[in-house]
N, C-alpha and C. Protein backbone atom coordinates (compact mmCIF):
# COMPACT_ATOMS: atom_id res chain seq x y z
N UNK A 1 -44.79 -15.52 54.19
CA UNK A 1 -44.42 -16.81 54.57
C UNK A 1 -44.82 -17.10 56.07
N UNK A 2 -44.88 -16.05 56.76
CA UNK A 2 -45.17 -16.30 58.29
C UNK A 2 -46.54 -16.76 58.43
N UNK A 3 -47.31 -16.56 57.60
CA UNK A 3 -48.79 -17.00 57.53
C UNK A 3 -48.73 -18.59 57.39
N UNK A 4 -47.79 -19.05 56.65
CA UNK A 4 -47.62 -20.56 56.47
C UNK A 4 -47.08 -21.07 57.60
N UNK A 5 -46.22 -20.40 58.34
CA UNK A 5 -45.61 -21.10 59.58
C UNK A 5 -46.73 -21.09 60.61
N UNK A 6 -47.63 -20.06 60.77
CA UNK A 6 -48.77 -20.20 61.71
C UNK A 6 -49.63 -21.42 61.40
N UNK A 7 -49.78 -21.80 59.92
CA UNK A 7 -50.71 -22.82 59.60
C UNK A 7 -50.12 -24.20 59.81
N UNK A 8 -48.90 -24.32 60.39
CA UNK A 8 -48.23 -25.69 60.49
C UNK A 8 -48.82 -26.37 61.66
N UNK A 9 -49.62 -25.88 62.39
CA UNK A 9 -50.26 -26.28 63.61
C UNK A 9 -49.17 -26.94 64.54
N UNK A 10 -48.28 -26.29 64.88
CA UNK A 10 -47.09 -26.65 65.81
C UNK A 10 -47.03 -25.70 67.00
N UNK A 11 -46.50 -26.22 68.18
CA UNK A 11 -46.24 -25.34 69.11
C UNK A 11 -44.84 -24.75 69.18
N UNK A 12 -44.65 -23.86 70.06
CA UNK A 12 -43.27 -23.25 70.06
C UNK A 12 -42.39 -24.23 70.71
N UNK A 13 -42.83 -25.19 71.48
CA UNK A 13 -41.94 -26.13 72.32
C UNK A 13 -41.65 -27.32 71.36
N UNK A 14 -42.12 -27.24 70.13
CA UNK A 14 -41.84 -28.56 69.31
C UNK A 14 -40.45 -28.42 68.90
N UNK A 15 -39.89 -29.66 68.39
CA UNK A 15 -38.45 -29.74 68.05
C UNK A 15 -38.39 -29.16 66.61
N UNK A 16 -37.11 -29.05 65.99
CA UNK A 16 -36.94 -28.61 64.80
C UNK A 16 -37.46 -29.66 63.75
N UNK A 17 -37.26 -30.88 64.12
CA UNK A 17 -37.91 -32.02 63.29
C UNK A 17 -39.40 -31.92 62.98
N UNK A 18 -39.95 -31.78 64.01
CA UNK A 18 -41.52 -31.54 63.90
C UNK A 18 -41.91 -30.49 63.07
N UNK A 19 -41.19 -29.34 62.95
CA UNK A 19 -41.30 -28.26 62.16
C UNK A 19 -41.10 -28.68 60.67
N UNK A 20 -40.05 -29.39 60.44
CA UNK A 20 -39.72 -29.85 59.24
C UNK A 20 -40.77 -30.91 58.61
N UNK A 21 -41.22 -31.76 59.36
CA UNK A 21 -42.26 -32.61 59.10
C UNK A 21 -43.49 -31.89 58.75
N UNK A 22 -43.99 -30.96 59.51
CA UNK A 22 -45.14 -30.14 59.30
C UNK A 22 -45.10 -29.45 58.04
N UNK A 23 -43.95 -28.96 57.83
CA UNK A 23 -43.76 -28.06 56.60
C UNK A 23 -43.66 -29.02 55.38
N UNK A 24 -43.22 -30.30 55.50
CA UNK A 24 -43.29 -31.18 54.42
C UNK A 24 -44.66 -31.53 53.89
N UNK A 25 -45.49 -31.70 55.06
CA UNK A 25 -46.88 -32.10 54.85
C UNK A 25 -47.58 -30.95 53.95
N UNK A 26 -47.07 -29.81 54.03
CA UNK A 26 -47.75 -28.61 53.30
C UNK A 26 -47.36 -28.56 51.90
N UNK A 27 -46.41 -29.34 51.49
CA UNK A 27 -45.78 -29.24 50.10
C UNK A 27 -46.59 -30.44 49.40
N UNK A 28 -46.71 -30.19 47.99
CA UNK A 28 -47.40 -31.11 47.25
C UNK A 28 -46.40 -32.32 46.89
N UNK A 29 -46.90 -33.44 46.49
CA UNK A 29 -46.06 -34.61 46.26
C UNK A 29 -45.03 -34.40 45.11
N UNK A 30 -45.70 -33.68 44.15
CA UNK A 30 -44.68 -33.23 43.01
C UNK A 30 -43.56 -32.41 43.42
N UNK A 31 -43.83 -31.44 44.38
CA UNK A 31 -42.79 -30.51 44.85
C UNK A 31 -41.84 -31.27 45.67
N UNK A 32 -42.21 -32.20 46.46
CA UNK A 32 -41.26 -33.22 47.23
C UNK A 32 -40.45 -34.03 46.50
N UNK A 33 -40.82 -34.61 45.24
CA UNK A 33 -40.17 -35.51 44.45
C UNK A 33 -39.25 -34.73 43.35
N UNK A 34 -39.57 -33.60 43.05
CA UNK A 34 -38.90 -33.07 41.92
C UNK A 34 -37.58 -32.49 42.09
N UNK A 35 -36.55 -33.08 41.58
CA UNK A 35 -35.20 -32.57 42.06
C UNK A 35 -34.95 -31.27 41.70
N UNK A 36 -35.61 -30.72 40.75
CA UNK A 36 -35.29 -29.24 40.29
C UNK A 36 -35.88 -28.23 41.45
N UNK A 37 -36.80 -28.74 42.32
CA UNK A 37 -37.40 -27.87 43.26
C UNK A 37 -36.49 -28.06 44.57
N UNK A 38 -35.46 -28.70 44.63
CA UNK A 38 -34.62 -29.01 45.92
C UNK A 38 -34.15 -27.64 46.37
N UNK A 39 -33.71 -26.60 45.74
CA UNK A 39 -33.25 -25.50 46.37
C UNK A 39 -34.45 -24.69 47.00
N UNK A 40 -35.43 -24.70 46.22
CA UNK A 40 -36.66 -23.99 46.78
C UNK A 40 -37.26 -24.78 48.17
N UNK A 41 -37.32 -25.99 48.17
CA UNK A 41 -37.62 -26.69 49.26
C UNK A 41 -36.81 -26.50 50.39
N UNK A 42 -35.56 -26.52 50.19
CA UNK A 42 -34.64 -26.23 51.28
C UNK A 42 -34.71 -24.71 51.79
N UNK A 43 -34.87 -23.70 50.97
CA UNK A 43 -35.27 -22.34 51.30
C UNK A 43 -36.46 -22.24 52.16
N UNK A 44 -37.51 -23.02 51.82
CA UNK A 44 -38.88 -22.94 52.50
C UNK A 44 -38.68 -23.63 53.69
N UNK A 45 -37.91 -24.90 54.03
CA UNK A 45 -37.79 -25.28 55.22
C UNK A 45 -36.84 -24.30 56.12
N UNK A 46 -35.86 -23.74 55.68
CA UNK A 46 -35.06 -22.78 56.39
C UNK A 46 -35.95 -21.74 56.89
N UNK A 47 -36.84 -21.20 56.02
CA UNK A 47 -37.56 -20.07 56.61
C UNK A 47 -38.52 -20.39 57.76
N UNK A 48 -38.92 -21.72 57.47
CA UNK A 48 -39.92 -22.21 58.60
C UNK A 48 -39.21 -22.25 59.93
N UNK A 49 -37.93 -22.76 59.67
CA UNK A 49 -37.06 -22.96 60.94
C UNK A 49 -36.57 -21.70 61.65
N UNK A 50 -36.42 -20.67 60.79
CA UNK A 50 -35.94 -19.30 61.11
C UNK A 50 -37.26 -18.81 61.85
N UNK A 51 -38.51 -18.92 61.54
CA UNK A 51 -39.68 -18.42 62.31
C UNK A 51 -39.84 -19.08 63.32
N UNK A 52 -39.59 -20.27 63.48
CA UNK A 52 -39.64 -21.21 64.68
C UNK A 52 -38.67 -20.59 65.77
N UNK A 53 -37.54 -20.52 65.29
CA UNK A 53 -36.35 -20.10 66.23
C UNK A 53 -36.81 -18.75 66.83
N UNK A 54 -37.23 -17.89 66.03
CA UNK A 54 -37.66 -16.59 66.56
C UNK A 54 -38.72 -16.55 67.57
N UNK A 55 -39.77 -17.55 67.15
CA UNK A 55 -40.89 -17.57 68.36
C UNK A 55 -40.26 -18.25 69.51
N UNK A 56 -39.41 -19.15 69.41
CA UNK A 56 -38.75 -19.66 70.61
C UNK A 56 -38.07 -18.65 71.38
N UNK A 57 -37.35 -17.75 70.70
CA UNK A 57 -36.65 -16.58 71.41
C UNK A 57 -37.50 -15.68 72.07
N UNK A 58 -38.62 -15.43 71.57
CA UNK A 58 -39.62 -14.59 72.18
C UNK A 58 -40.26 -15.16 73.49
N UNK A 59 -40.42 -16.47 73.43
CA UNK A 59 -40.97 -17.17 74.62
C UNK A 59 -39.87 -17.20 75.64
N UNK A 60 -38.70 -17.43 75.27
CA UNK A 60 -37.60 -17.47 76.27
C UNK A 60 -37.38 -16.08 76.85
N UNK A 61 -37.44 -15.19 76.08
CA UNK A 61 -37.35 -13.70 76.60
C UNK A 61 -38.32 -13.36 77.50
N UNK A 62 -39.58 -13.51 77.20
CA UNK A 62 -40.74 -13.18 77.93
C UNK A 62 -41.26 -14.32 79.01
N UNK A 63 -40.49 -15.31 78.98
CA UNK A 63 -40.79 -16.51 79.83
C UNK A 63 -42.25 -16.83 79.83
N UNK A 64 -42.80 -16.98 78.54
CA UNK A 64 -44.37 -17.32 78.36
C UNK A 64 -44.42 -18.89 78.60
């Protein structure tokens, strides 16, 4: 899933909303509309936000 995060075309300085918007664009229309996929969608968004948070921590730690 980290590869998907890298393909979101966002920067480390983007907000969490930008991450969710970019992640939503990667999903198909059917996956976005299907109520049965809600749990999987939430899991996907949370993973993308976790990767983003980790990247922000690295930048803050190393002051990049």
